[in-house]
Amino acid sequence: MAKMINTKFGWTWPNFVKADADCDRYWQAKKAEKRSLIEATKKSPRVVPQGEKKTSEKIYIDF
């Protein structure tokens, strides 16, 4: 383990570790918030009404 280092700001090693963990938690929360916002605003897939043909379906006509 690193020895206790005092910096010019007066921080010690545990302060750095705690600040790093807080930063990680903050960005994970931001990422999750953005992901949930994207999921909430996503358009639902279009439902094909009964009788309407999908463009991927082929129509064969016998001659």
Protein backbone atom coordinates (compact mmCIF):
# COMPACT_ATOMS: atom_id res chain seq x y z
CA MET A 1 0.00 0.00 0.00
CA ALA A 2 1.17 3.50 -0.72
CA LYS A 3 2.37 5.47 2.21
CA MET A 4 0.43 8.50 3.36
CA ILE A 5 1.44 11.37 1.11
CA ASN A 6 0.49 14.92 1.89
CA THR A 7 0.22 17.09 -1.17
CA LYS A 8 0.22 20.85 -1.42
CA PHE A 9 -3.57 20.63 -1.35
CA GLY A 10 -3.53 18.73 1.94
CA TRP A 11 -4.97 15.52 0.49
CA THR A 12 -3.82 12.08 1.57
CA TRP A 13 -3.98 8.83 -0.39
CA PRO A 14 -7.42 7.74 0.97
CA ASN A 15 -8.82 11.09 -0.18
CA PHE A 16 -7.64 10.37 -3.72
CA VAL A 17 -9.13 6.86 -3.63
CA LYS A 18 -12.47 8.18 -2.37
CA ALA A 19 -12.55 10.97 -4.96
CA ASP A 20 -11.81 8.46 -7.74
CA ALA A 21 -14.59 6.14 -6.55
CA ASP A 22 -17.04 9.07 -6.34
CA CYS A 23 -16.11 10.10 -9.87
CA ASP A 24 -16.66 6.55 -11.16
CA ARG A 25 -20.08 6.36 -9.48
CA TYR A 26 -21.05 9.76 -10.92
CA TRP A 27 -20.23 8.75 -14.51
CA GLN A 28 -21.93 5.35 -14.16
CA ALA A 29 -25.09 7.13 -13.00
CA LYS A 30 -24.85 9.58 -15.91
CA LYS A 31 -24.45 6.71 -18.38
CA ALA A 32 -27.43 4.84 -16.90
CA GLU A 33 -29.53 8.02 -16.99
CA LYS A 34 -28.68 8.60 -20.65
CA ARG A 35 -29.42 4.96 -21.50
CA SER A 36 -32.83 5.09 -19.81
CA LEU A 37 -33.64 8.35 -21.60
CA ILE A 38 -32.78 6.76 -24.95
CA GLU A 39 -34.94 3.73 -24.12
CA ALA A 40 -37.86 5.96 -23.11
CA THR A 41 -37.75 8.00 -26.32
CA LYS A 42 -37.22 5.05 -28.68
CA LYS A 43 -39.96 4.64 -31.26
CA SER A 44 -41.90 1.42 -31.04
CA PRO A 45 -41.75 -0.81 -34.11
CA ARG A 46 -44.54 -0.16 -36.57
CA VAL A 47 -47.39 -2.60 -36.29
CA VAL A 48 -48.75 -3.78 -39.64
CA PRO A 49 -52.55 -3.49 -39.69
CA GLN A 50 -54.52 -6.55 -40.74
CA GLY A 51 -54.72 -6.89 -44.52
CA GLU A 52 -51.78 -4.60 -45.27
CA LYS A 53 -48.90 -6.29 -47.06
CA LYS A 54 -45.36 -5.90 -45.83
CA THR A 55 -42.95 -4.73 -48.50
CA SER A 56 -40.79 -7.79 -47.90
CA GLU A 57 -43.62 -10.12 -48.94
CA LYS A 58 -43.54 -11.19 -52.59
CA ILE A 59 -46.65 -11.36 -54.71
CA TYR A 60 -46.56 -14.06 -57.36
CA ILE A 61 -48.87 -13.88 -60.36
CA ASP A 62 -49.25 -16.97 -62.57
CA PHE A 63 -49.33 -16.21 -66.31
